[in-house]
Amino acid sequence: MQLISRLRFFVVYVFFKVNFFVFGKDISFLGLPKLSYDTRFVRGRRVTIGYRFFCGRNCHIAAPAQIGDDVMFAGDVALVGGDHKFDEVSVPMNAAGRDVMKDIIIEDDVWVGFRAVILHGVHIGKGAVIAAGSIVTKNVDSYSIVAGNPAKHIRYRKMP
């Protein structure tokens, strides 16, 4: 079984690398992902993606991330962070350096809506829904629905 898993990963890796994607050595897939051809992974970021991951068009993964199983990204989703330091006014912002990148953790069964932005250091709980256009700056509880800029808790999903 492990041989089949490795072979699937190799086929996916070679197909994506040759055709549309450039993955760094720090990108790992546990299963066969469904990625749009214009998804971008920034080199040098540790990204682990679980089973049955779906990623819509034009997504931008520019922060280290641990993405769980059954996660769905709509189009234009961005994982970003490590912004320029701006506290010291005597140093121009473009010369002040950047923050330390913190991992984004997205647990299983999360749905991230169109053009949502998730900042580094955020932990999104299992079964959460991130509404379209949301800017997620703080942790999101499991089974929570959040929306807005910055994203705020709207309600919890109904349990069966």
N, C-alpha and C. Protein backbone atom coordinates (compact mmCIF):
# COMPACT_ATOMS: atom_id res chain seq x y z
N MET A 1 0.82 -1.20 0.00
CA MET A 1 0.00 0.00 0.00
C MET A 1 0.86 1.26 0.00
N GLN A 2 1.96 1.21 0.75
CA GLN A 2 2.83 2.38 0.81
C GLN A 2 3.48 2.65 -0.55
N LEU A 3 3.78 1.58 -1.29
CA LEU A 3 4.36 1.73 -2.62
C LEU A 3 3.37 2.43 -3.55
N ILE A 4 2.10 2.06 -3.48
CA ILE A 4 1.08 2.69 -4.32
C ILE A 4 0.94 4.17 -3.96
N SER A 5 0.95 4.47 -2.68
CA SER A 5 0.86 5.87 -2.23
C SER A 5 2.04 6.69 -2.74
N ARG A 6 3.22 6.13 -2.66
CA ARG A 6 4.41 6.85 -3.14
C ARG A 6 4.37 7.03 -4.65
N LEU A 7 3.91 6.01 -5.35
CA LEU A 7 3.81 6.10 -6.81
C LEU A 7 2.81 7.17 -7.21
N ARG A 8 1.65 7.21 -6.54
CA ARG A 8 0.65 8.25 -6.83
C ARG A 8 1.24 9.64 -6.61
N PHE A 9 1.97 9.81 -5.48
CA PHE A 9 2.57 11.10 -5.19
C PHE A 9 3.58 11.47 -6.29
N PHE A 10 4.40 10.52 -6.71
CA PHE A 10 5.39 10.78 -7.74
C PHE A 10 4.73 11.23 -9.04
N VAL A 11 3.66 10.53 -9.45
CA VAL A 11 2.95 10.89 -10.68
C VAL A 11 2.37 12.30 -10.56
N VAL A 12 1.72 12.59 -9.44
CA VAL A 12 1.15 13.92 -9.23
C VAL A 12 2.25 14.98 -9.23
N TYR A 13 3.32 14.72 -8.51
CA TYR A 13 4.43 15.67 -8.40
C TYR A 13 5.02 15.96 -9.78
N VAL A 14 5.32 14.91 -10.54
CA VAL A 14 5.92 15.10 -11.86
C VAL A 14 4.94 15.81 -12.80
N PHE A 15 3.67 15.41 -12.80
CA PHE A 15 2.69 16.04 -13.68
C PHE A 15 2.59 17.53 -13.37
N PHE A 16 2.43 17.88 -12.10
CA PHE A 16 2.26 19.28 -11.73
C PHE A 16 3.54 20.07 -11.99
N LYS A 17 4.69 19.50 -11.67
CA LYS A 17 5.94 20.22 -11.86
C LYS A 17 6.20 20.48 -13.34
N VAL A 18 5.95 19.49 -14.18
CA VAL A 18 6.19 19.64 -15.61
C VAL A 18 5.18 20.58 -16.24
N ASN A 19 3.93 20.49 -15.82
CA ASN A 19 2.88 21.24 -16.49
C ASN A 19 2.66 22.64 -15.95
N PHE A 20 2.38 22.78 -14.67
CA PHE A 20 1.96 24.09 -14.21
C PHE A 20 2.59 24.54 -12.89
N PHE A 21 2.96 23.62 -12.03
CA PHE A 21 3.33 23.98 -10.68
C PHE A 21 4.83 23.86 -10.47
N VAL A 22 5.32 24.63 -9.53
CA VAL A 22 6.68 24.45 -9.05
C VAL A 22 6.56 24.27 -7.55
N PHE A 23 6.87 23.08 -7.07
CA PHE A 23 6.81 22.79 -5.65
C PHE A 23 8.21 22.75 -5.09
N GLY A 24 8.39 23.34 -3.93
CA GLY A 24 9.67 23.21 -3.24
C GLY A 24 9.74 21.89 -2.52
N LYS A 25 10.88 21.59 -1.94
CA LYS A 25 11.05 20.33 -1.23
C LYS A 25 10.23 20.28 0.05
N ASP A 26 9.70 21.40 0.50
CA ASP A 26 8.95 21.45 1.75
C ASP A 26 7.45 21.28 1.56
N ILE A 27 6.98 20.98 0.35
CA ILE A 27 5.56 20.77 0.09
C ILE A 27 5.30 19.27 0.10
N SER A 28 4.32 18.83 0.90
CA SER A 28 4.01 17.39 0.90
C SER A 28 2.51 17.19 0.87
N PHE A 29 2.09 16.21 0.08
CA PHE A 29 0.69 15.83 -0.06
C PHE A 29 0.52 14.43 0.52
N LEU A 30 -0.51 14.25 1.36
CA LEU A 30 -0.79 12.92 1.88
C LEU A 30 -1.68 12.14 0.92
N GLY A 31 -2.44 12.83 0.11
CA GLY A 31 -3.32 12.18 -0.86
C GLY A 31 -3.21 12.89 -2.19
N LEU A 32 -4.07 12.51 -3.11
CA LEU A 32 -4.08 13.12 -4.43
C LEU A 32 -4.90 14.41 -4.36
N PRO A 33 -4.27 15.58 -4.44
CA PRO A 33 -5.02 16.83 -4.32
C PRO A 33 -5.73 17.19 -5.62
N LYS A 34 -6.75 18.01 -5.51
CA LYS A 34 -7.39 18.58 -6.69
C LYS A 34 -7.05 20.06 -6.67
N LEU A 35 -6.10 20.44 -7.52
CA LEU A 35 -5.61 21.81 -7.56
C LEU A 35 -5.90 22.42 -8.92
N SER A 36 -6.31 23.67 -8.92
CA SER A 36 -6.45 24.39 -10.17
C SER A 36 -5.06 24.67 -10.74
N TYR A 37 -4.97 24.82 -12.03
CA TYR A 37 -3.66 24.99 -12.68
C TYR A 37 -2.93 26.26 -12.27
N ASP A 38 -3.63 27.26 -11.74
CA ASP A 38 -2.95 28.51 -11.41
C ASP A 38 -2.76 28.72 -9.91
N THR A 39 -2.81 27.64 -9.14
CA THR A 39 -2.50 27.72 -7.72
C THR A 39 -1.00 27.95 -7.55
N ARG A 40 -0.64 28.86 -6.64
CA ARG A 40 0.77 29.20 -6.44
C ARG A 40 1.21 28.83 -5.03
N PHE A 41 2.32 28.12 -4.92
CA PHE A 41 2.96 27.81 -3.65
C PHE A 41 4.29 28.56 -3.62
N VAL A 42 4.49 29.40 -2.63
CA VAL A 42 5.75 30.15 -2.52
C VAL A 42 6.82 29.20 -2.01
N ARG A 43 7.96 29.22 -2.67
CA ARG A 43 9.07 28.35 -2.28
C ARG A 43 9.58 28.69 -0.89
N GLY A 44 10.09 27.66 -0.22
CA GLY A 44 10.68 27.87 1.09
C GLY A 44 9.68 27.84 2.23
N ARG A 45 8.41 27.54 1.95
CA ARG A 45 7.39 27.45 2.99
C ARG A 45 7.05 25.98 3.21
N ARG A 46 7.01 25.57 4.48
CA ARG A 46 6.63 24.19 4.81
C ARG A 46 5.10 24.07 4.72
N VAL A 47 4.63 23.27 3.79
CA VAL A 47 3.20 23.08 3.63
C VAL A 47 2.92 21.59 3.59
N THR A 48 2.01 21.14 4.46
CA THR A 48 1.56 19.76 4.46
C THR A 48 0.07 19.76 4.19
N ILE A 49 -0.36 18.95 3.22
CA ILE A 49 -1.76 18.93 2.80
C ILE A 49 -2.30 17.52 2.96
N GLY A 50 -3.46 17.40 3.62
CA GLY A 50 -4.07 16.11 3.89
C GLY A 50 -4.80 15.52 2.70
N TYR A 51 -5.55 14.48 2.99
CA TYR A 51 -6.29 13.73 1.97
C TYR A 51 -7.51 14.52 1.47
N ARG A 52 -7.84 14.33 0.21
CA ARG A 52 -9.03 14.89 -0.44
C ARG A 52 -9.10 16.41 -0.35
N PHE A 53 -7.96 17.07 -0.53
CA PHE A 53 -7.89 18.53 -0.54
C PHE A 53 -8.34 19.05 -1.90
N PHE A 54 -9.18 20.08 -1.90
CA PHE A 54 -9.61 20.72 -3.13
C PHE A 54 -9.21 22.19 -3.07
N CYS A 55 -8.66 22.69 -4.16
CA CYS A 55 -8.22 24.09 -4.21
C CYS A 55 -8.70 24.71 -5.52
N GLY A 56 -9.52 25.76 -5.42
CA GLY A 56 -10.04 26.43 -6.60
C GLY A 56 -8.99 27.26 -7.32
N ARG A 57 -9.43 28.01 -8.31
CA ARG A 57 -8.52 28.79 -9.16
C ARG A 57 -7.84 29.92 -8.41
N ASN A 58 -6.59 30.16 -8.79
CA ASN A 58 -5.84 31.35 -8.40
C ASN A 58 -5.58 31.48 -6.90
N CYS A 59 -5.39 30.36 -6.22
CA CYS A 59 -5.07 30.42 -4.79
C CYS A 59 -3.58 30.69 -4.61
N HIS A 60 -3.24 31.29 -3.48
CA HIS A 60 -1.86 31.73 -3.22
C HIS A 60 -1.47 31.25 -1.83
N ILE A 61 -0.56 30.28 -1.76
CA ILE A 61 -0.11 29.72 -0.49
C ILE A 61 1.30 30.27 -0.24
N ALA A 62 1.37 31.29 0.64
CA ALA A 62 2.64 31.99 0.86
C ALA A 62 3.06 31.98 2.33
N ALA A 63 2.50 31.07 3.11
CA ALA A 63 2.86 30.95 4.52
C ALA A 63 2.97 29.47 4.85
N PRO A 64 3.78 29.12 5.85
CA PRO A 64 3.84 27.71 6.24
C PRO A 64 2.48 27.27 6.75
N ALA A 65 2.05 26.07 6.35
CA ALA A 65 0.70 25.64 6.70
C ALA A 65 0.62 24.14 6.88
N GLN A 66 -0.29 23.74 7.77
CA GLN A 66 -0.66 22.34 7.94
C GLN A 66 -2.15 22.27 7.65
N ILE A 67 -2.51 21.65 6.53
CA ILE A 67 -3.89 21.61 6.07
C ILE A 67 -4.39 20.18 6.21
N GLY A 68 -5.52 20.01 6.89
CA GLY A 68 -6.05 18.68 7.20
C GLY A 68 -6.75 18.01 6.04
N ASP A 69 -7.48 16.95 6.36
CA ASP A 69 -8.22 16.16 5.37
C ASP A 69 -9.55 16.85 5.04
N ASP A 70 -10.03 16.62 3.83
CA ASP A 70 -11.34 17.08 3.38
C ASP A 70 -11.51 18.60 3.45
N VAL A 71 -10.44 19.33 3.20
CA VAL A 71 -10.47 20.80 3.22
C VAL A 71 -10.74 21.29 1.81
N MET A 72 -11.60 22.32 1.70
CA MET A 72 -11.94 22.91 0.41
C MET A 72 -11.58 24.39 0.41
N PHE A 73 -10.85 24.83 -0.59
CA PHE A 73 -10.58 26.25 -0.82
C PHE A 73 -11.33 26.66 -2.09
N ALA A 74 -12.11 27.71 -2.01
CA ALA A 74 -12.70 28.29 -3.22
C ALA A 74 -11.60 29.05 -3.96
N GLY A 75 -11.93 29.73 -5.03
CA GLY A 75 -10.95 30.49 -5.79
C GLY A 75 -10.41 31.69 -5.02
N ASP A 76 -9.20 32.10 -5.37
CA ASP A 76 -8.55 33.31 -4.86
C ASP A 76 -8.29 33.30 -3.36
N VAL A 77 -8.24 32.15 -2.73
CA VAL A 77 -7.92 32.07 -1.30
C VAL A 77 -6.42 32.32 -1.13
N ALA A 78 -6.05 33.05 -0.08
CA ALA A 78 -4.63 33.34 0.17
C ALA A 78 -4.27 33.00 1.61
N LEU A 79 -3.15 32.30 1.77
CA LEU A 79 -2.54 32.08 3.08
C LEU A 79 -1.27 32.91 3.09
N VAL A 80 -1.24 33.94 3.92
CA VAL A 80 -0.13 34.90 3.86
C VAL A 80 0.39 35.23 5.26
N GLY A 81 1.54 35.90 5.30
CA GLY A 81 2.09 36.33 6.59
C GLY A 81 3.51 36.80 6.47
N GLY A 82 4.10 37.08 7.63
CA GLY A 82 5.47 37.54 7.67
C GLY A 82 5.63 38.93 7.08
N ASP A 83 4.68 39.80 7.39
CA ASP A 83 4.67 41.14 6.81
C ASP A 83 5.85 41.98 7.28
N HIS A 84 6.03 43.09 6.62
CA HIS A 84 7.13 44.00 6.96
C HIS A 84 6.92 44.56 8.36
N LYS A 85 8.02 44.73 9.07
CA LYS A 85 7.97 45.38 10.37
C LYS A 85 7.78 46.88 10.14
N PHE A 86 6.98 47.51 10.97
CA PHE A 86 6.70 48.93 10.76
C PHE A 86 6.69 49.74 12.05
N ASP A 87 7.08 49.15 13.16
CA ASP A 87 7.03 49.84 14.46
C ASP A 87 8.10 50.92 14.61
N GLU A 88 9.28 50.71 14.06
CA GLU A 88 10.39 51.66 14.21
C GLU A 88 10.31 52.73 13.12
N VAL A 89 9.92 53.95 13.49
CA VAL A 89 9.70 55.01 12.50
C VAL A 89 11.01 55.57 11.92
N SER A 90 12.14 55.31 12.57
CA SER A 90 13.41 55.83 12.06
C SER A 90 13.98 54.97 10.93
N VAL A 91 13.38 53.82 10.69
CA VAL A 91 13.84 52.91 9.64
C VAL A 91 12.74 52.80 8.58
N PRO A 92 13.08 53.00 7.31
CA PRO A 92 12.06 52.82 6.27
C PRO A 92 11.48 51.40 6.33
N MET A 93 10.18 51.28 6.10
CA MET A 93 9.52 49.98 6.23
C MET A 93 10.13 48.92 5.30
N ASN A 94 10.56 49.33 4.12
CA ASN A 94 11.13 48.34 3.20
C ASN A 94 12.52 47.87 3.61
N ALA A 95 13.12 48.52 4.62
CA ALA A 95 14.43 48.12 5.12
C ALA A 95 14.35 47.55 6.54
N ALA A 96 13.16 47.49 7.12
CA ALA A 96 13.01 47.08 8.52
C ALA A 96 12.97 45.58 8.72
N GLY A 97 12.93 44.82 7.66
CA GLY A 97 12.87 43.36 7.81
C GLY A 97 11.44 42.86 7.87
N ARG A 98 11.33 41.56 8.11
CA ARG A 98 10.01 40.93 8.13
C ARG A 98 9.82 40.17 9.44
N ASP A 99 8.56 39.95 9.78
CA ASP A 99 8.22 39.17 10.97
C ASP A 99 8.61 37.70 10.76
N VAL A 100 8.69 36.98 11.86
CA VAL A 100 8.92 35.54 11.81
C VAL A 100 7.61 34.87 11.37
N MET A 101 7.72 33.96 10.41
CA MET A 101 6.52 33.26 9.92
C MET A 101 6.07 32.21 10.92
N LYS A 102 4.78 32.22 11.22
CA LYS A 102 4.17 31.21 12.09
C LYS A 102 3.27 30.34 11.24
N ASP A 103 3.17 29.06 11.61
CA ASP A 103 2.34 28.13 10.85
C ASP A 103 0.86 28.47 10.92
N ILE A 104 0.18 28.28 9.82
CA ILE A 104 -1.28 28.30 9.77
C ILE A 104 -1.71 26.85 9.91
N ILE A 105 -2.63 26.59 10.83
CA ILE A 105 -3.13 25.23 11.02
C ILE A 105 -4.61 25.22 10.65
N ILE A 106 -4.94 24.40 9.67
CA ILE A 106 -6.33 24.25 9.24
C ILE A 106 -6.69 22.79 9.47
N GLU A 107 -7.60 22.54 10.41
CA GLU A 107 -7.99 21.17 10.73
C GLU A 107 -8.89 20.58 9.66
N ASP A 108 -9.36 19.36 9.88
CA ASP A 108 -10.17 18.63 8.90
C ASP A 108 -11.52 19.28 8.63
N ASP A 109 -12.05 19.03 7.43
CA ASP A 109 -13.41 19.39 7.04
C ASP A 109 -13.68 20.90 7.15
N VAL A 110 -12.77 21.70 6.64
CA VAL A 110 -12.93 23.16 6.66
C VAL A 110 -13.23 23.64 5.25
N TRP A 111 -14.13 24.61 5.13
CA TRP A 111 -14.48 25.22 3.85
C TRP A 111 -14.07 26.68 3.92
N VAL A 112 -13.20 27.09 3.00
CA VAL A 112 -12.73 28.48 2.95
C VAL A 112 -13.31 29.11 1.68
N GLY A 113 -14.09 30.18 1.85
CA GLY A 113 -14.80 30.81 0.76
C GLY A 113 -13.93 31.68 -0.15
N PHE A 114 -14.52 32.07 -1.26
CA PHE A 114 -13.87 32.87 -2.30
C PHE A 114 -13.21 34.13 -1.74
N ARG A 115 -11.98 34.36 -2.15
CA ARG A 115 -11.17 35.53 -1.78
C ARG A 115 -10.97 35.74 -0.28
N ALA A 116 -11.05 34.67 0.48
CA ALA A 116 -10.72 34.76 1.91
C ALA A 116 -9.20 34.83 2.06
N VAL A 117 -8.76 35.56 3.07
CA VAL A 117 -7.33 35.68 3.37
C VAL A 117 -7.13 35.19 4.80
N ILE A 118 -6.17 34.28 4.98
CA ILE A 118 -5.86 33.74 6.30
C ILE A 118 -4.43 34.13 6.62
N LEU A 119 -4.24 34.85 7.73
CA LEU A 119 -2.91 35.32 8.12
C LEU A 119 -2.15 34.27 8.92
N HIS A 120 -0.83 34.38 8.88
CA HIS A 120 0.01 33.39 9.55
C HIS A 120 -0.26 33.38 11.06
N GLY A 121 -0.07 32.19 11.66
CA GLY A 121 -0.28 32.02 13.09
C GLY A 121 -1.70 31.68 13.48
N VAL A 122 -2.62 31.60 12.52
CA VAL A 122 -4.03 31.34 12.81
C VAL A 122 -4.26 29.82 12.86
N HIS A 123 -5.12 29.40 13.78
CA HIS A 123 -5.54 28.00 13.90
C HIS A 123 -7.04 27.95 13.62
N ILE A 124 -7.42 27.19 12.60
CA ILE A 124 -8.83 27.05 12.23
C ILE A 124 -9.28 25.65 12.62
N GLY A 125 -10.30 25.60 13.49
CA GLY A 125 -10.78 24.33 14.03
C GLY A 125 -11.54 23.48 13.04
N LYS A 126 -11.73 22.23 13.42
CA LYS A 126 -12.41 21.24 12.59
C LYS A 126 -13.82 21.70 12.24
N GLY A 127 -14.19 21.51 10.97
CA GLY A 127 -15.55 21.77 10.52
C GLY A 127 -15.93 23.23 10.39
N ALA A 128 -14.97 24.13 10.48
CA ALA A 128 -15.26 25.57 10.40
C ALA A 128 -15.58 25.98 8.96
N VAL A 129 -16.30 27.09 8.84
CA VAL A 129 -16.60 27.69 7.54
C VAL A 129 -16.12 29.14 7.58
N ILE A 130 -15.29 29.50 6.59
CA ILE A 130 -14.79 30.86 6.46
C ILE A 130 -15.53 31.48 5.27
N ALA A 131 -16.31 32.52 5.52
CA ALA A 131 -17.14 33.12 4.46
C ALA A 131 -16.27 33.81 3.41
N ALA A 132 -16.84 33.96 2.24
CA ALA A 132 -16.16 34.64 1.14
C ALA A 132 -15.74 36.05 1.55
N GLY A 133 -14.53 36.45 1.16
CA GLY A 133 -14.04 37.79 1.42
C GLY A 133 -13.57 38.05 2.84
N SER A 134 -13.57 37.04 3.69
CA SER A 134 -13.15 37.23 5.09
C SER A 134 -11.65 37.38 5.20
N ILE A 135 -11.23 38.17 6.18
CA ILE A 135 -9.82 38.31 6.54
C ILE A 135 -9.67 37.70 7.93
N VAL A 136 -9.06 36.52 8.00
CA VAL A 136 -8.96 35.79 9.26
C VAL A 136 -7.65 36.16 9.95
N THR A 137 -7.78 36.86 11.07
CA THR A 137 -6.61 37.34 11.82
C THR A 137 -6.45 36.64 13.16
N LYS A 138 -7.50 35.92 13.60
CA LYS A 138 -7.48 35.24 14.90
C LYS A 138 -7.98 33.81 14.74
N ASN A 139 -7.72 33.00 15.75
CA ASN A 139 -8.14 31.60 15.71
C ASN A 139 -9.65 31.46 15.55
N VAL A 140 -10.05 30.37 14.91
CA VAL A 140 -11.46 30.09 14.65
C VAL A 140 -11.81 28.77 15.34
N ASP A 141 -12.89 28.78 16.15
CA ASP A 141 -13.33 27.58 16.86
C ASP A 141 -13.82 26.51 15.89
N SER A 142 -13.80 25.27 16.35
CA SER A 142 -14.35 24.16 15.58
C SER A 142 -15.84 24.40 15.33
N TYR A 143 -16.30 24.05 14.14
CA TYR A 143 -17.69 24.15 13.70
C TYR A 143 -18.24 25.57 13.75
N SER A 144 -17.37 26.55 13.72
CA SER A 144 -17.76 27.95 13.75
C SER A 144 -17.87 28.49 12.32
N ILE A 145 -18.80 29.41 12.11
CA ILE A 145 -18.90 30.13 10.84
C ILE A 145 -18.44 31.56 11.11
N VAL A 146 -17.44 32.02 10.36
CA VAL A 146 -16.92 33.37 10.55
C VAL A 146 -17.01 34.14 9.24
N ALA A 147 -17.13 35.47 9.36
CA ALA A 147 -17.23 36.32 8.18
C ALA A 147 -16.76 37.72 8.53
N GLY A 148 -16.32 38.47 7.52
CA GLY A 148 -16.00 39.88 7.68
C GLY A 148 -14.53 40.19 7.66
N ASN A 149 -14.26 41.50 7.84
CA ASN A 149 -12.90 42.02 7.87
C ASN A 149 -12.77 42.94 9.08
N PRO A 150 -12.14 42.45 10.15
CA PRO A 150 -11.60 41.10 10.36
C PRO A 150 -12.74 40.10 10.59
N ALA A 151 -12.45 38.83 10.35
CA ALA A 151 -13.47 37.79 10.48
C ALA A 151 -13.96 37.70 11.93
N LYS A 152 -15.28 37.65 12.07
CA LYS A 152 -15.91 37.53 13.39
C LYS A 152 -16.86 36.34 13.39
N HIS A 153 -17.02 35.77 14.57
CA HIS A 153 -17.91 34.62 14.73
C HIS A 153 -19.35 35.03 14.42
N ILE A 154 -20.01 34.27 13.53
CA ILE A 154 -21.42 34.52 13.19
C ILE A 154 -22.31 33.56 13.99
N ARG A 155 -22.01 32.28 13.86
CA ARG A 155 -22.74 31.25 14.60
C ARG A 155 -22.00 29.93 14.46
N TYR A 156 -22.48 28.92 15.16
CA TYR A 156 -21.94 27.58 15.00
C TYR A 156 -22.81 26.80 14.01
N ARG A 157 -22.18 25.87 13.31
CA ARG A 157 -22.93 24.99 12.42
C ARG A 157 -23.86 24.12 13.27
N LYS A 158 -24.97 23.73 12.70
CA LYS A 158 -25.92 22.87 13.43
C LYS A 158 -25.41 21.45 13.49
N MET A 159 -25.52 20.87 14.63
CA MET A 159 -25.11 19.47 14.81
C MET A 159 -26.33 18.59 14.52
N PRO A 160 -26.14 17.43 13.89
CA PRO A 160 -27.29 16.56 13.57
C PRO A 160 -27.93 15.98 14.81
